[in-house]
Amino acid sequence: MLRLSVAFAAAALLINPAAASPCKDAKGKFVKCPTAAHASGVTKLANGRCQVASGPKKGQFTKCP
């Protein structure tokens, strides 16, 4: 059973190499990885300060990420 699951995992990596290495382009060269979007719910204002966008603390100023 273990051999079968290892075979399926190896086949999945061979079929979809983009999932195995997200920081490579189509030719296999390393490229800069995209940064993950901040899911913190903090927005930066035009004056450079940050505030909470939603939730119970909406509108309160906070530290910028």
N, C-alpha and C. Protein backbone atom coordinates (compact mmCIF):
# COMPACT_ATOMS: atom_id res chain seq x y z
N MET A 1 0.82 -1.19 0.00
CA MET A 1 0.00 0.00 0.00
C MET A 1 0.87 1.26 0.00
N LEU A 2 1.96 1.21 0.73
CA LEU A 2 2.86 2.36 0.80
C LEU A 2 3.51 2.61 -0.56
N ARG A 3 3.89 1.53 -1.24
CA ARG A 3 4.50 1.68 -2.56
C ARG A 3 3.53 2.33 -3.55
N LEU A 4 2.27 1.95 -3.43
CA LEU A 4 1.27 2.50 -4.33
C LEU A 4 1.08 3.99 -4.10
N SER A 5 1.04 4.41 -2.84
CA SER A 5 0.86 5.84 -2.57
C SER A 5 2.09 6.64 -2.97
N VAL A 6 3.27 6.08 -2.81
CA VAL A 6 4.50 6.77 -3.23
C VAL A 6 4.52 6.89 -4.75
N ALA A 7 4.07 5.87 -5.44
CA ALA A 7 4.02 5.91 -6.91
C ALA A 7 3.06 6.98 -7.39
N PHE A 8 1.90 7.09 -6.75
CA PHE A 8 0.95 8.13 -7.14
C PHE A 8 1.49 9.52 -6.86
N ALA A 9 2.20 9.69 -5.75
CA ALA A 9 2.76 11.00 -5.43
C ALA A 9 3.84 11.38 -6.44
N ALA A 10 4.67 10.43 -6.81
CA ALA A 10 5.72 10.70 -7.80
C ALA A 10 5.11 11.02 -9.16
N ALA A 11 4.06 10.31 -9.52
CA ALA A 11 3.40 10.58 -10.80
C ALA A 11 2.76 11.96 -10.80
N ALA A 12 2.21 12.36 -9.69
CA ALA A 12 1.59 13.67 -9.61
C ALA A 12 2.63 14.78 -9.77
N LEU A 13 3.81 14.59 -9.21
CA LEU A 13 4.87 15.59 -9.35
C LEU A 13 5.42 15.63 -10.77
N LEU A 14 5.44 14.50 -11.44
CA LEU A 14 5.93 14.48 -12.81
C LEU A 14 4.91 15.09 -13.77
N ILE A 15 3.64 14.89 -13.49
CA ILE A 15 2.61 15.43 -14.37
C ILE A 15 2.50 16.94 -14.23
N ASN A 16 2.58 17.45 -13.01
CA ASN A 16 2.40 18.87 -12.76
C ASN A 16 3.63 19.43 -12.03
N PRO A 17 4.72 19.72 -12.74
CA PRO A 17 5.92 20.22 -12.07
C PRO A 17 5.76 21.62 -11.51
N ALA A 18 4.77 22.38 -11.98
CA ALA A 18 4.56 23.73 -11.46
C ALA A 18 4.14 23.69 -10.00
N ALA A 19 3.41 22.67 -9.61
CA ALA A 19 2.98 22.56 -8.22
C ALA A 19 4.15 22.18 -7.32
N ALA A 20 5.14 21.49 -7.87
CA ALA A 20 6.28 21.06 -7.07
C ALA A 20 7.24 22.22 -6.80
N SER A 21 7.34 23.15 -7.72
CA SER A 21 8.28 24.26 -7.54
C SER A 21 7.63 25.56 -8.03
N PRO A 22 6.97 26.28 -7.15
CA PRO A 22 6.28 27.49 -7.59
C PRO A 22 7.21 28.64 -7.94
N CYS A 23 8.49 28.53 -7.62
CA CYS A 23 9.41 29.63 -7.89
C CYS A 23 10.29 29.34 -9.10
N LYS A 24 9.79 28.54 -10.04
CA LYS A 24 10.50 28.28 -11.28
C LYS A 24 9.61 28.67 -12.45
N ASP A 25 10.23 29.11 -13.53
CA ASP A 25 9.46 29.44 -14.72
C ASP A 25 9.26 28.19 -15.57
N ALA A 26 8.70 28.34 -16.75
CA ALA A 26 8.41 27.20 -17.61
C ALA A 26 9.67 26.49 -18.09
N LYS A 27 10.78 27.20 -18.17
CA LYS A 27 12.03 26.60 -18.63
C LYS A 27 12.80 25.93 -17.50
N GLY A 28 12.32 26.03 -16.26
CA GLY A 28 12.97 25.39 -15.14
C GLY A 28 13.94 26.28 -14.40
N LYS A 29 14.05 27.54 -14.79
CA LYS A 29 14.96 28.46 -14.11
C LYS A 29 14.27 29.08 -12.91
N PHE A 30 15.05 29.33 -11.87
CA PHE A 30 14.50 29.93 -10.67
C PHE A 30 14.19 31.40 -10.92
N VAL A 31 13.04 31.83 -10.45
CA VAL A 31 12.61 33.22 -10.53
C VAL A 31 12.20 33.67 -9.14
N LYS A 32 12.03 34.97 -8.97
CA LYS A 32 11.63 35.49 -7.68
C LYS A 32 10.21 35.02 -7.36
N CYS A 33 10.02 34.47 -6.17
CA CYS A 33 8.70 33.99 -5.77
C CYS A 33 7.77 35.16 -5.52
N PRO A 34 6.52 35.03 -5.91
CA PRO A 34 5.57 36.11 -5.63
C PRO A 34 5.30 36.17 -4.14
N THR A 35 5.14 37.39 -3.64
CA THR A 35 4.86 37.54 -2.22
C THR A 35 3.40 37.23 -1.96
N ALA A 36 3.13 36.67 -0.82
CA ALA A 36 1.77 36.34 -0.46
C ALA A 36 1.05 37.60 -0.02
N ALA A 37 -0.21 37.69 -0.37
CA ALA A 37 -1.00 38.85 0.02
C ALA A 37 -1.25 38.80 1.53
N HIS A 38 -1.20 39.95 2.14
CA HIS A 38 -1.43 40.01 3.58
C HIS A 38 -2.91 39.81 3.86
N ALA A 39 -3.20 38.84 4.67
CA ALA A 39 -4.58 38.56 5.03
C ALA A 39 -4.90 39.15 6.40
N SER A 40 -4.15 40.18 6.79
CA SER A 40 -4.30 40.72 8.13
C SER A 40 -5.48 41.67 8.25
N GLY A 41 -5.98 42.20 7.14
CA GLY A 41 -7.09 43.13 7.20
C GLY A 41 -6.67 44.53 7.59
N VAL A 42 -5.41 44.86 7.36
CA VAL A 42 -4.89 46.18 7.69
C VAL A 42 -4.67 46.94 6.38
N THR A 43 -5.17 48.17 6.32
CA THR A 43 -4.98 48.99 5.14
C THR A 43 -4.07 50.16 5.47
N LYS A 44 -3.25 50.55 4.50
CA LYS A 44 -2.35 51.68 4.68
C LYS A 44 -2.99 52.92 4.07
N LEU A 45 -3.04 53.97 4.84
CA LEU A 45 -3.67 55.21 4.40
C LEU A 45 -2.68 56.06 3.62
N ALA A 46 -3.16 57.12 3.01
CA ALA A 46 -2.32 58.00 2.20
C ALA A 46 -1.29 58.73 3.05
N ASN A 47 -1.58 58.95 4.33
CA ASN A 47 -0.64 59.65 5.20
C ASN A 47 0.41 58.72 5.79
N GLY A 48 0.40 57.42 5.42
CA GLY A 48 1.41 56.48 5.87
C GLY A 48 1.04 55.69 7.10
N ARG A 49 -0.09 56.00 7.72
CA ARG A 49 -0.53 55.27 8.90
C ARG A 49 -1.39 54.10 8.47
N CYS A 50 -1.51 53.09 9.33
CA CYS A 50 -2.30 51.91 9.02
C CYS A 50 -3.46 51.80 10.00
N GLN A 51 -4.57 51.27 9.48
CA GLN A 51 -5.72 51.06 10.35
C GLN A 51 -6.38 49.74 10.00
N VAL A 52 -7.13 49.20 10.97
CA VAL A 52 -7.83 47.93 10.78
C VAL A 52 -9.00 48.16 9.84
N ALA A 53 -9.14 47.28 8.84
CA ALA A 53 -10.16 47.47 7.80
C ALA A 53 -11.52 46.93 8.19
N SER A 54 -11.56 45.85 8.99
CA SER A 54 -12.85 45.27 9.33
C SER A 54 -12.77 44.59 10.68
N GLY A 55 -13.90 44.20 11.18
CA GLY A 55 -13.96 43.50 12.47
C GLY A 55 -14.32 44.44 13.60
N PRO A 56 -14.22 43.96 14.84
CA PRO A 56 -14.63 44.78 15.97
C PRO A 56 -13.73 45.98 16.22
N LYS A 57 -12.52 45.95 15.71
CA LYS A 57 -11.59 47.05 15.89
C LYS A 57 -11.49 47.92 14.64
N LYS A 58 -12.52 47.91 13.81
CA LYS A 58 -12.50 48.64 12.54
C LYS A 58 -12.26 50.13 12.78
N GLY A 59 -11.30 50.68 12.02
CA GLY A 59 -11.00 52.09 12.09
C GLY A 59 -9.92 52.46 13.08
N GLN A 60 -9.54 51.53 13.95
CA GLN A 60 -8.49 51.83 14.93
C GLN A 60 -7.13 51.77 14.25
N PHE A 61 -6.23 52.66 14.64
CA PHE A 61 -4.89 52.67 14.09
C PHE A 61 -4.07 51.54 14.70
N THR A 62 -3.19 50.96 13.88
CA THR A 62 -2.39 49.84 14.31
C THR A 62 -1.02 49.91 13.65
N LYS A 63 -0.13 48.98 14.01
CA LYS A 63 1.20 48.93 13.40
C LYS A 63 1.08 48.41 11.98
N CYS A 64 1.84 48.99 11.07
CA CYS A 64 1.83 48.51 9.69
C CYS A 64 2.61 47.19 9.60
N PRO A 65 2.13 46.26 8.77
CA PRO A 65 2.85 44.99 8.62
C PRO A 65 4.13 45.15 7.83
